[in-house]
Amino acid sequence: MGIHTGEPLRTDEGYVGIDIHRAARIAAAGHGGQVLVSQTARELIQDDLPTELALLDLGEHRLKDLSRPQQIFQLVTDGLGRDFPPLATLENRPTNLPPQPTPLIGR
């Protein structure tokens, strides 16, 4: 599960916008039973988080179709798994291509 807070646009087909894509990419990076939270959502809930819940900082990760790395946190509590494989992000999907040092601009 991926949790993100933003301002999507509502259309006749449903909700659209970069925040919808960001939430989907965060969710796709996780594994079954893992709950991931964006930096934006964390900032909104951190002061009101019940004591039995914690957010484990997983660091910055590059996600498909997003230009900047995203800070991702894992929700930790009794009953939820804690140990998962590395997130399925661009850094953790090896290819035979060298890493992109800078964004391609004007090509």
PDB file of N, CA and C in Angstrom:
ATOM      1  N   MET A   1       0.846  -1.162   0.000  1.00  0.00           N
ATOM      2  CA  MET A   1       0.000   0.000   0.000  1.00  0.00           C
ATOM      3  C   MET A   1       0.896   1.230   0.000  1.00  0.00           C
ATOM      4  N   GLY A   2       0.523   2.223  -0.783  1.00  0.00           N
ATOM      5  CA  GLY A   2       1.249   3.476  -0.819  1.00  0.00           C
ATOM      6  C   GLY A   2       0.351   4.614  -0.376  1.00  0.00           C
ATOM      7  N   ILE A   3       0.812   5.430   0.539  1.00  0.00           N
ATOM      8  CA  ILE A   3       0.037   6.549   1.056  1.00  0.00           C
ATOM      9  C   ILE A   3       0.753   7.849   0.707  1.00  0.00           C
ATOM     10  N   HIS A   4       0.018   8.740   0.043  1.00  0.00           N
ATOM     11  CA  HIS A   4       0.559  10.047  -0.325  1.00  0.00           C
ATOM     12  C   HIS A   4      -0.559  11.067  -0.195  1.00  0.00           C
ATOM     13  N   THR A   5      -0.216  12.291   0.085  1.00  0.00           N
ATOM     14  CA  THR A   5      -1.191  13.368   0.198  1.00  0.00           C
ATOM     15  C   THR A   5      -0.890  14.404  -0.865  1.00  0.00           C
ATOM     16  N   GLY A   6      -1.933  14.844  -1.565  1.00  0.00           N
ATOM     17  CA  GLY A   6      -1.738  15.846  -2.600  1.00  0.00           C
ATOM     18  C   GLY A   6      -3.058  16.455  -3.006  1.00  0.00           C
ATOM     19  N   GLU A   7      -3.046  17.117  -4.146  1.00  0.00           N
ATOM     20  CA  GLU A   7      -4.237  17.774  -4.668  1.00  0.00           C
ATOM     21  C   GLU A   7      -4.518  17.300  -6.084  1.00  0.00           C
ATOM     22  N   PRO A   8      -5.160  16.144  -6.229  1.00  0.00           N
ATOM     23  CA  PRO A   8      -5.486  15.664  -7.574  1.00  0.00           C
ATOM     24  C   PRO A   8      -6.661  16.445  -8.164  1.00  0.00           C
ATOM     25  N   LEU A   9      -6.825  16.317  -9.462  1.00  0.00           N
ATOM     26  CA  LEU A   9      -7.955  16.938 -10.149  1.00  0.00           C
ATOM     27  C   LEU A   9      -9.027  15.881 -10.363  1.00  0.00           C
ATOM     28  N   ARG A  10     -10.286  16.256 -10.159  1.00  0.00           N
ATOM     29  CA  ARG A  10     -11.377  15.309 -10.370  1.00  0.00           C
ATOM     30  C   ARG A  10     -11.977  15.555 -11.750  1.00  0.00           C
ATOM     31  N   THR A  11     -12.075  14.497 -12.543  1.00  0.00           N
ATOM     32  CA  THR A  11     -12.674  14.575 -13.872  1.00  0.00           C
ATOM     33  C   THR A  11     -13.812  13.568 -13.943  1.00  0.00           C
ATOM     34  N   ASP A  12     -14.483  13.516 -15.085  1.00  0.00           N
ATOM     35  CA  ASP A  12     -15.555  12.539 -15.272  1.00  0.00           C
ATOM     36  C   ASP A  12     -15.037  11.110 -15.189  1.00  0.00           C
ATOM     37  N   GLU A  13     -13.775  10.904 -15.530  1.00  0.00           N
ATOM     38  CA  GLU A  13     -13.176   9.567 -15.498  1.00  0.00           C
ATOM     39  C   GLU A  13     -12.608   9.201 -14.130  1.00  0.00           C
ATOM     40  N   GLY A  14     -12.523  10.152 -13.230  1.00  0.00           N
ATOM     41  CA  GLY A  14     -11.948   9.904 -11.907  1.00  0.00           C
ATOM     42  C   GLY A  14     -10.928  10.974 -11.566  1.00  0.00           C
ATOM     43  N   TYR A  15     -10.019  10.635 -10.677  1.00  0.00           N
ATOM     44  CA  TYR A  15      -8.996  11.575 -10.254  1.00  0.00           C
ATOM     45  C   TYR A  15      -7.760  11.443 -11.128  1.00  0.00           C
ATOM     46  N   VAL A  16      -7.125  12.578 -11.448  1.00  0.00           N
ATOM     47  CA  VAL A  16      -5.912  12.600 -12.263  1.00  0.00           C
ATOM     48  C   VAL A  16      -4.935  13.596 -11.664  1.00  0.00           C
ATOM     49  N   GLY A  17      -3.694  13.517 -12.097  1.00  0.00           N
ATOM     50  CA  GLY A  17      -2.686  14.480 -11.671  1.00  0.00           C
ATOM     51  C   GLY A  17      -1.434  13.795 -11.170  1.00  0.00           C
ATOM     52  N   ILE A  18      -0.399  14.583 -10.970  1.00  0.00           N
ATOM     53  CA  ILE A  18       0.902  14.053 -10.561  1.00  0.00           C
ATOM     54  C   ILE A  18       0.824  13.371  -9.206  1.00  0.00           C
ATOM     55  N   ASP A  19      -0.030  13.847  -8.313  1.00  0.00           N
ATOM     56  CA  ASP A  19      -0.116  13.219  -6.992  1.00  0.00           C
ATOM     57  C   ASP A  19      -0.708  11.814  -7.071  1.00  0.00           C
ATOM     58  N   ILE A  20      -1.595  11.576  -8.018  1.00  0.00           N
ATOM     59  CA  ILE A  20      -2.126  10.226  -8.236  1.00  0.00           C
ATOM     60  C   ILE A  20      -1.002   9.319  -8.724  1.00  0.00           C
ATOM     61  N   HIS A  21      -0.198   9.806  -9.658  1.00  0.00           N
ATOM     62  CA  HIS A  21       0.926   9.028 -10.169  1.00  0.00           C
ATOM     63  C   HIS A  21       1.962   8.766  -9.070  1.00  0.00           C
ATOM     64  N   ARG A  22       2.235   9.768  -8.260  1.00  0.00           N
ATOM     65  CA  ARG A  22       3.214   9.606  -7.182  1.00  0.00           C
ATOM     66  C   ARG A  22       2.747   8.521  -6.199  1.00  0.00           C
ATOM     67  N   ALA A  23       1.479   8.546  -5.819  1.00  0.00           N
ATOM     68  CA  ALA A  23       0.937   7.532  -4.907  1.00  0.00           C
ATOM     69  C   ALA A  23       1.028   6.145  -5.535  1.00  0.00           C
ATOM     70  N   ALA A  24       0.717   6.044  -6.825  1.00  0.00           N
ATOM     71  CA  ALA A  24       0.788   4.746  -7.515  1.00  0.00           C
ATOM     72  C   ALA A  24       2.219   4.232  -7.581  1.00  0.00           C
ATOM     73  N   ARG A  25       3.176   5.121  -7.839  1.00  0.00           N
ATOM     74  CA  ARG A  25       4.580   4.705  -7.922  1.00  0.00           C
ATOM     75  C   ARG A  25       5.102   4.268  -6.556  1.00  0.00           C
ATOM     76  N   ILE A  26       4.695   4.951  -5.499  1.00  0.00           N
ATOM     77  CA  ILE A  26       5.108   4.564  -4.152  1.00  0.00           C
ATOM     78  C   ILE A  26       4.529   3.205  -3.815  1.00  0.00           C
ATOM     79  N   ALA A  27       3.266   2.986  -4.129  1.00  0.00           N
ATOM     80  CA  ALA A  27       2.641   1.690  -3.867  1.00  0.00           C
ATOM     81  C   ALA A  27       3.333   0.577  -4.650  1.00  0.00           C
ATOM     82  N   ALA A  28       3.676   0.849  -5.906  1.00  0.00           N
ATOM     83  CA  ALA A  28       4.308  -0.170  -6.758  1.00  0.00           C
ATOM     84  C   ALA A  28       5.712  -0.528  -6.281  1.00  0.00           C
ATOM     85  N   ALA A  29       6.352   0.358  -5.544  1.00  0.00           N
ATOM     86  CA  ALA A  29       7.710   0.090  -5.062  1.00  0.00           C
ATOM     87  C   ALA A  29       7.722  -0.911  -3.904  1.00  0.00           C
ATOM     88  N   GLY A  30       6.579  -1.059  -3.238  1.00  0.00           N
ATOM     89  CA  GLY A  30       6.515  -1.917  -2.063  1.00  0.00           C
ATOM     90  C   GLY A  30       6.248  -3.370  -2.389  1.00  0.00           C
ATOM     91  N   HIS A  31       6.167  -4.174  -1.338  1.00  0.00           N
ATOM     92  CA  HIS A  31       5.916  -5.609  -1.437  1.00  0.00           C
ATOM     93  C   HIS A  31       4.638  -5.933  -0.672  1.00  0.00           C
ATOM     94  N   GLY A  32       4.062  -7.098  -0.921  1.00  0.00           N
ATOM     95  CA  GLY A  32       2.834  -7.499  -0.248  1.00  0.00           C
ATOM     96  C   GLY A  32       2.937  -7.364   1.263  1.00  0.00           C
ATOM     97  N   GLY A  33       1.976  -6.697   1.876  1.00  0.00           N
ATOM     98  CA  GLY A  33       1.981  -6.503   3.317  1.00  0.00           C
ATOM     99  C   GLY A  33       2.759  -5.290   3.789  1.00  0.00           C
ATOM    100  N   GLN A  34       3.422  -4.608   2.886  1.00  0.00           N
ATOM    101  CA  GLN A  34       4.224  -3.435   3.244  1.00  0.00           C
ATOM    102  C   GLN A  34       3.397  -2.173   3.024  1.00  0.00           C
ATOM    103  N   VAL A  35       3.459  -1.248   3.975  1.00  0.00           N
ATOM    104  CA  VAL A  35       2.756   0.033   3.866  1.00  0.00           C
ATOM    105  C   VAL A  35       3.808   1.128   3.765  1.00  0.00           C
ATOM    106  N   LEU A  36       3.804   1.837   2.634  1.00  0.00           N
ATOM    107  CA  LEU A  36       4.780   2.898   2.387  1.00  0.00           C
ATOM    108  C   LEU A  36       4.093   4.257   2.445  1.00  0.00           C
ATOM    109  N   VAL A  37       4.805   5.244   2.961  1.00  0.00           N
ATOM    110  CA  VAL A  37       4.263   6.582   3.171  1.00  0.00           C
ATOM    111  C   VAL A  37       5.221   7.603   2.562  1.00  0.00           C
ATOM    112  N   SER A  38       4.673   8.577   1.829  1.00  0.00           N
ATOM    113  CA  SER A  38       5.503   9.634   1.244  1.00  0.00           C
ATOM    114  C   SER A  38       5.920  10.643   2.307  1.00  0.00           C
ATOM    115  N   GLN A  39       6.899  11.460   1.974  1.00  0.00           N
ATOM    116  CA  GLN A  39       7.354  12.526   2.866  1.00  0.00           C
ATOM    117  C   GLN A  39       6.221  13.502   3.154  1.00  0.00           C
ATOM    118  N   THR A  40       5.437  13.833   2.142  1.00  0.00           N
ATOM    119  CA  THR A  40       4.336  14.773   2.311  1.00  0.00           C
ATOM    120  C   THR A  40       3.314  14.254   3.317  1.00  0.00           C
ATOM    121  N   ALA A  41       2.923  13.002   3.185  1.00  0.00           N
ATOM    122  CA  ALA A  41       1.959  12.416   4.127  1.00  0.00           C
ATOM    123  C   ALA A  41       2.566  12.334   5.527  1.00  0.00           C
ATOM    124  N   ARG A  42       3.841  11.974   5.600  1.00  0.00           N
ATOM    125  CA  ARG A  42       4.512  11.878   6.907  1.00  0.00           C
ATOM    126  C   ARG A  42       4.468  13.208   7.648  1.00  0.00           C
ATOM    127  N   GLU A  43       4.748  14.288   6.934  1.00  0.00           N
ATOM    128  CA  GLU A  43       4.755  15.605   7.566  1.00  0.00           C
ATOM    129  C   GLU A  43       3.394  15.956   8.154  1.00  0.00           C
ATOM    130  N   LEU A  44       2.330  15.488   7.531  1.00  0.00           N
ATOM    131  CA  LEU A  44       0.985  15.791   8.018  1.00  0.00           C
ATOM    132  C   LEU A  44       0.566  14.944   9.210  1.00  0.00           C
ATOM    133  N   ILE A  45       1.101  13.728   9.326  1.00  0.00           N
ATOM    134  CA  ILE A  45       0.639  12.817  10.383  1.00  0.00           C
ATOM    135  C   ILE A  45       1.620  12.633  11.531  1.00  0.00           C
ATOM    136  N   GLN A  46       2.860  13.056  11.385  1.00  0.00           N
ATOM    137  CA  GLN A  46       3.890  12.716  12.367  1.00  0.00           C
ATOM    138  C   GLN A  46       3.562  13.171  13.790  1.00  0.00           C
ATOM    139  N   ASP A  47       2.914  14.304  13.956  1.00  0.00           N
ATOM    140  CA  ASP A  47       2.594  14.785  15.305  1.00  0.00           C
ATOM    141  C   ASP A  47       1.379  14.089  15.916  1.00  0.00           C
ATOM    142  N   ASP A  48       0.563  13.454  15.085  1.00  0.00           N
ATOM    143  CA  ASP A  48      -0.653  12.800  15.566  1.00  0.00           C
ATOM    144  C   ASP A  48      -0.582  11.280  15.473  1.00  0.00           C
ATOM    145  N   LEU A  49       0.591  10.741  15.169  1.00  0.00           N
ATOM    146  CA  LEU A  49       0.747   9.296  15.007  1.00  0.00           C
ATOM    147  C   LEU A  49       0.618   8.605  16.371  1.00  0.00           C
ATOM    148  N   PRO A  50      -0.280   7.617  16.484  1.00  0.00           N
ATOM    149  CA  PRO A  50      -0.397   6.897  17.760  1.00  0.00           C
ATOM    150  C   PRO A  50       0.945   6.273  18.165  1.00  0.00           C
ATOM    151  N   THR A  51       1.151   6.110  19.444  1.00  0.00           N
ATOM    152  CA  THR A  51       2.436   5.620  19.952  1.00  0.00           C
ATOM    153  C   THR A  51       2.757   4.205  19.484  1.00  0.00           C
ATOM    154  N   GLU A  52       1.744   3.412  19.132  1.00  0.00           N
ATOM    155  CA  GLU A  52       2.014   2.043  18.683  1.00  0.00           C
ATOM    156  C   GLU A  52       2.425   1.975  17.205  1.00  0.00           C
ATOM    157  N   LEU A  53       2.405   3.108  16.531  1.00  0.00           N
ATOM    158  CA  LEU A  53       2.829   3.183  15.136  1.00  0.00           C
ATOM    159  C   LEU A  53       4.127   3.963  15.030  1.00  0.00           C
ATOM    160  N   ALA A  54       4.948   3.579  14.077  1.00  0.00           N
ATOM    161  CA  ALA A  54       6.188   4.310  13.814  1.00  0.00           C
ATOM    162  C   ALA A  54       6.424   4.337  12.313  1.00  0.00           C
ATOM    163  N   LEU A  55       7.198   5.310  11.874  1.00  0.00           N
ATOM    164  CA  LEU A  55       7.573   5.417  10.465  1.00  0.00           C
ATOM    165  C   LEU A  55       9.076   5.225  10.347  1.00  0.00           C
ATOM    166  N   LEU A  56       9.465   4.182   9.643  1.00  0.00           N
ATOM    167  CA  LEU A  56      10.864   3.836   9.422  1.00  0.00           C
ATOM    168  C   LEU A  56      11.333   4.512   8.144  1.00  0.00           C
ATOM    169  N   ASP A  57      12.367   5.329   8.234  1.00  0.00           N
ATOM    170  CA  ASP A  57      12.903   6.049   7.078  1.00  0.00           C
ATOM    171  C   ASP A  57      13.642   5.072   6.169  1.00  0.00           C
ATOM    172  N   LEU A  58      13.147   4.912   4.939  1.00  0.00           N
ATOM    173  CA  LEU A  58      13.791   4.032   3.957  1.00  0.00           C
ATOM    174  C   LEU A  58      14.697   4.798   3.007  1.00  0.00           C
ATOM    175  N   GLY A  59      14.782   6.106   3.177  1.00  0.00           N
ATOM    176  CA  GLY A  59      15.670   6.916   2.347  1.00  0.00           C
ATOM    177  C   GLY A  59      14.999   7.426   1.087  1.00  0.00           C
ATOM    178  N   GLU A  60      15.808   8.065   0.247  1.00  0.00           N
ATOM    179  CA  GLU A  60      15.325   8.597  -1.024  1.00  0.00           C
ATOM    180  C   GLU A  60      15.421   7.527  -2.092  1.00  0.00           C
ATOM    181  N   HIS A  61      14.394   7.487  -2.940  1.00  0.00           N
ATOM    182  CA  HIS A  61      14.355   6.491  -4.014  1.00  0.00           C
ATOM    183  C   HIS A  61      13.840   7.147  -5.286  1.00  0.00           C
ATOM    184  N   ARG A  62      14.455   6.766  -6.398  1.00  0.00           N
ATOM    185  CA  ARG A  62      13.994   7.228  -7.707  1.00  0.00           C
ATOM    186  C   ARG A  62      12.878   6.307  -8.175  1.00  0.00           C
ATOM    187  N   LEU A  63      11.772   6.909  -8.575  1.00  0.00           N
ATOM    188  CA  LEU A  63      10.616   6.157  -9.036  1.00  0.00           C
ATOM    189  C   LEU A  63      10.321   6.486 -10.491  1.00  0.00           C
ATOM    190  N   LYS A  64       9.790   5.515 -11.189  1.00  0.00           N
ATOM    191  CA  LYS A  64       9.480   5.655 -12.614  1.00  0.00           C
ATOM    192  C   LYS A  64       8.626   6.901 -12.869  1.00  0.00           C
ATOM    193  N   ASP A  65       8.992   7.650 -13.892  1.00  0.00           N
ATOM    194  CA  ASP A  65       8.267   8.826 -14.373  1.00  0.00           C
ATOM    195  C   ASP A  65       8.284  10.033 -13.428  1.00  0.00           C
ATOM    196  N   LEU A  66       9.023   9.972 -12.344  1.00  0.00           N
ATOM    197  CA  LEU A  66       9.137  11.123 -11.449  1.00  0.00           C
ATOM    198  C   LEU A  66      10.549  11.678 -11.548  1.00  0.00           C
ATOM    199  N   SER A  67      10.665  12.985 -11.727  1.00  0.00           N
ATOM    200  CA  SER A  67      11.975  13.586 -12.002  1.00  0.00           C
ATOM    201  C   SER A  67      12.904  13.612 -10.795  1.00  0.00           C
ATOM    202  N   ARG A  68      12.353  13.740  -9.589  1.00  0.00           N
ATOM    203  CA  ARG A  68      13.199  13.818  -8.396  1.00  0.00           C
ATOM    204  C   ARG A  68      13.007  12.599  -7.508  1.00  0.00           C
ATOM    205  N   PRO A  69      14.054  12.224  -6.780  1.00  0.00           N
ATOM    206  CA  PRO A  69      13.903  11.113  -5.819  1.00  0.00           C
ATOM    207  C   PRO A  69      12.857  11.448  -4.762  1.00  0.00           C
ATOM    208  N   GLN A  70      12.210  10.431  -4.264  1.00  0.00           N
ATOM    209  CA  GLN A  70      11.161  10.580  -3.263  1.00  0.00           C
ATOM    210  C   GLN A  70      11.617   9.975  -1.940  1.00  0.00           C
ATOM    211  N   GLN A  71      11.433  10.706  -0.858  1.00  0.00           N
ATOM    212  CA  GLN A  71      11.716  10.188   0.479  1.00  0.00           C
ATOM    213  C   GLN A  71      10.562   9.256   0.842  1.00  0.00           C
ATOM    214  N   ILE A  72      10.874   8.015   1.204  1.00  0.00           N
ATOM    215  CA  ILE A  72       9.842   7.020   1.486  1.00  0.00           C
ATOM    216  C   ILE A  72      10.033   6.472   2.895  1.00  0.00           C
ATOM    217  N   PHE A  73       8.915   6.278   3.580  1.00  0.00           N
ATOM    218  CA  PHE A  73       8.893   5.740   4.932  1.00  0.00           C
ATOM    219  C   PHE A  73       8.037   4.486   4.952  1.00  0.00           C
ATOM    220  N   GLN A  74       8.352   3.578   5.865  1.00  0.00           N
ATOM    221  CA  GLN A  74       7.560   2.361   6.029  1.00  0.00           C
ATOM    222  C   GLN A  74       6.830   2.429   7.360  1.00  0.00           C
ATOM    223  N   LEU A  75       5.526   2.159   7.322  1.00  0.00           N
ATOM    224  CA  LEU A  75       4.734   2.113   8.543  1.00  0.00           C
ATOM    225  C   LEU A  75       5.077   0.836   9.294  1.00  0.00           C
ATOM    226  N   VAL A  76       5.388   0.977  10.580  1.00  0.00           N
ATOM    227  CA  VAL A  76       5.789  -0.158  11.409  1.00  0.00           C
ATOM    228  C   VAL A  76       4.864  -0.231  12.619  1.00  0.00           C
ATOM    229  N   THR A  77       4.333  -1.419  12.878  1.00  0.00           N
ATOM    230  CA  THR A  77       3.505  -1.669  14.044  1.00  0.00           C
ATOM    231  C   THR A  77       3.401  -3.177  14.256  1.00  0.00           C
ATOM    232  N   ASP A  78       2.923  -3.584  15.419  1.00  0.00           N
ATOM    233  CA  ASP A  78       2.694  -5.007  15.662  1.00  0.00           C
ATOM    234  C   ASP A  78       1.669  -5.520  14.654  1.00  0.00           C
ATOM    235  N   GLY A  79       1.916  -6.694  14.126  1.00  0.00           N
ATOM    236  CA  GLY A  79       0.989  -7.286  13.166  1.00  0.00           C
ATOM    237  C   GLY A  79       1.354  -7.014  11.716  1.00  0.00           C
ATOM    238  N   LEU A  80       2.192  -6.029  11.464  1.00  0.00           N
ATOM    239  CA  LEU A  80       2.689  -5.775  10.112  1.00  0.00           C
ATOM    240  C   LEU A  80       4.117  -6.286  10.026  1.00  0.00           C
ATOM    241  N   GLY A  81       4.463  -6.850   8.890  1.00  0.00           N
ATOM    242  CA  GLY A  81       5.845  -7.268   8.703  1.00  0.00           C
ATOM    243  C   GLY A  81       6.777  -6.077   8.780  1.00  0.00           C
ATOM    244  N   ARG A  82       8.013  -6.341   9.126  1.00  0.00           N
ATOM    245  CA  ARG A  82       8.994  -5.259   9.216  1.00  0.00           C
ATOM    246  C   ARG A  82      10.127  -5.441   8.214  1.00  0.00           C
ATOM    247  N   ASP A  83      10.479  -6.691   7.952  1.00  0.00           N
ATOM    248  CA  ASP A  83      11.603  -6.979   7.063  1.00  0.00           C
ATOM    249  C   ASP A  83      11.092  -7.369   5.681  1.00  0.00           C
ATOM    250  N   PHE A  84      11.441  -6.553   4.698  1.00  0.00           N
ATOM    251  CA  PHE A  84      11.033  -6.777   3.318  1.00  0.00           C
ATOM    252  C   PHE A  84      12.256  -6.674   2.424  1.00  0.00           C
ATOM    253  N   PRO A  85      12.186  -7.234   1.215  1.00  0.00           N
ATOM    254  CA  PRO A  85      13.273  -7.036   0.251  1.00  0.00           C
ATOM    255  C   PRO A  85      13.407  -5.549  -0.077  1.00  0.00           C
ATOM    256  N   PRO A  86      14.501  -5.163  -0.704  1.00  0.00           N
ATOM    257  CA  PRO A  86      14.659  -3.759  -1.101  1.00  0.00           C
ATOM    258  C   PRO A  86      13.476  -3.309  -1.964  1.00  0.00           C
ATOM    259  N   LEU A  87      13.143  -2.032  -1.873  1.00  0.00           N
ATOM    260  CA  LEU A  87      12.045  -1.501  -2.668  1.00  0.00           C
ATOM    261  C   LEU A  87      12.319  -1.686  -4.159  1.00  0.00           C
ATOM    262  N   ALA A  88      11.264  -1.873  -4.916  1.00  0.00           N
ATOM    263  CA  ALA A  88      11.374  -2.047  -6.370  1.00  0.00           C
ATOM    264  C   ALA A  88      11.413  -0.667  -7.019  1.00  0.00           C
ATOM    265  N   THR A  89      12.561  -0.018  -6.913  1.00  0.00           N
ATOM    266  CA  THR A  89      12.746   1.320  -7.466  1.00  0.00           C
ATOM    267  C   THR A  89      13.743   1.257  -8.619  1.00  0.00           C
ATOM    268  N   LEU A  90      13.979   2.383  -9.260  1.00  0.00           N
ATOM    269  CA  LEU A  90      14.887   2.402 -10.404  1.00  0.00           C
ATOM    270  C   LEU A  90      16.306   1.981 -10.024  1.00  0.00           C
ATOM    271  N   GLU A  91      16.724   2.281  -8.797  1.00  0.00           N
ATOM    272  CA  GLU A  91      18.062   1.892  -8.365  1.00  0.00           C
ATOM    273  C   GLU A  91      18.184   0.369  -8.197  1.00  0.00           C
ATOM    274  N   ASN A  92      17.090  -0.276  -7.872  1.00  0.00           N
ATOM    275  CA  ASN A  92      17.123  -1.700  -7.560  1.00  0.00           C
ATOM    276  C   ASN A  92      16.675  -2.593  -8.715  1.00  0.00           C
ATOM    277  N   ARG A  93      16.586  -2.039  -9.902  1.00  0.00           N
ATOM    278  CA  ARG A  93      16.265  -2.811 -11.103  1.00  0.00           C
ATOM    279  C   ARG A  93      17.461  -2.728 -12.036  1.00  0.00           C
ATOM    280  N   PRO A  94      18.399  -3.631 -11.875  1.00  0.00           N
ATOM    281  CA  PRO A  94      19.620  -3.527 -12.672  1.00  0.00           C
ATOM    282  C   PRO A  94      19.362  -3.709 -14.167  1.00  0.00           C
ATOM    283  N   THR A  95      20.080  -2.917 -14.949  1.00  0.00           N
ATOM    284  CA  THR A  95      20.065  -3.045 -16.405  1.00  0.00           C
ATOM    285  C   THR A  95      21.506  -2.998 -16.874  1.00  0.00           C
ATOM    286  N   ASN A  96      21.699  -3.133 -18.165  1.00  0.00           N
ATOM    287  CA  ASN A  96      23.052  -3.025 -18.698  1.00  0.00           C
ATOM    288  C   ASN A  96      23.377  -1.582 -19.096  1.00  0.00           C
ATOM    289  N   LEU A  97      22.485  -0.640 -18.765  1.00  0.00           N
ATOM    290  CA  LEU A  97      22.715   0.761 -19.085  1.00  0.00           C
ATOM    291  C   LEU A  97      23.406   1.461 -17.922  1.00  0.00           C
ATOM    292  N   PRO A  98      24.298   2.402 -18.224  1.00  0.00           N
ATOM    293  CA  PRO A  98      24.930   3.159 -17.130  1.00  0.00           C
ATOM    294  C   PRO A  98      23.899   4.069 -16.491  1.00  0.00           C
ATOM    295  N   PRO A  99      24.104   4.442 -15.232  1.00  0.00           N
ATOM    296  CA  PRO A  99      23.156   5.359 -14.584  1.00  0.00           C
ATOM    297  C   PRO A  99      23.149   6.704 -15.281  1.00  0.00           C
ATOM    298  N   GLN A 100      21.995   7.341 -15.307  1.00  0.00           N
ATOM    299  CA  GLN A 100      21.854   8.636 -15.954  1.00  0.00           C
ATOM    300  C   GLN A 100      22.386   9.715 -15.015  1.00  0.00           C
ATOM    301  N   PRO A 101      23.517  10.375 -15.361  1.00  0.00           N
ATOM    302  CA  PRO A 101      24.098  11.378 -14.461  1.00  0.00           C
ATOM    303  C   PRO A 101      23.262  12.648 -14.332  1.00  0.00           C
ATOM    304  N   THR A 102      22.599  13.041 -15.429  1.00  0.00           N
ATOM    305  CA  THR A 102      21.763  14.236 -15.404  1.00  0.00           C
ATOM    306  C   THR A 102      20.541  13.972 -16.281  1.00  0.00           C
ATOM    307  N   PRO A 103      19.481  14.743 -16.086  1.00  0.00           N
ATOM    308  CA  PRO A 103      18.307  14.553 -16.955  1.00  0.00           C
ATOM    309  C   PRO A 103      18.634  14.962 -18.383  1.00  0.00           C
ATOM    310  N   LEU A 104      17.995  14.309 -19.348  1.00  0.00           N
ATOM    311  CA  LEU A 104      18.156  14.691 -20.739  1.00  0.00           C
ATOM    312  C   LEU A 104      17.305  15.932 -20.994  1.00  0.00           C
ATOM    313  N   ILE A 105      17.954  16.975 -21.480  1.00  0.00           N
ATOM    314  CA  ILE A 105      17.241  18.213 -21.752  1.00  0.00           C
ATOM    315  C   ILE A 105      17.534  18.628 -23.192  1.00  0.00           C
ATOM    316  N   GLY A 106      16.489  18.919 -23.929  1.00  0.00           N
ATOM    317  CA  GLY A 106      16.657  19.412 -25.288  1.00  0.00           C
ATOM    318  C   GLY A 106      17.045  18.362 -26.300  1.00  0.00           C
ATOM    319  N   ARG A 107      16.709  17.107 -26.041  1.00  0.00           N
ATOM    320  CA  ARG A 107      17.016  16.072 -27.035  1.00  0.00           C
ATOM    321  C   ARG A 107      15.762  15.505 -27.613  1.00  0.00           C
TER     322      ARG A 107
END
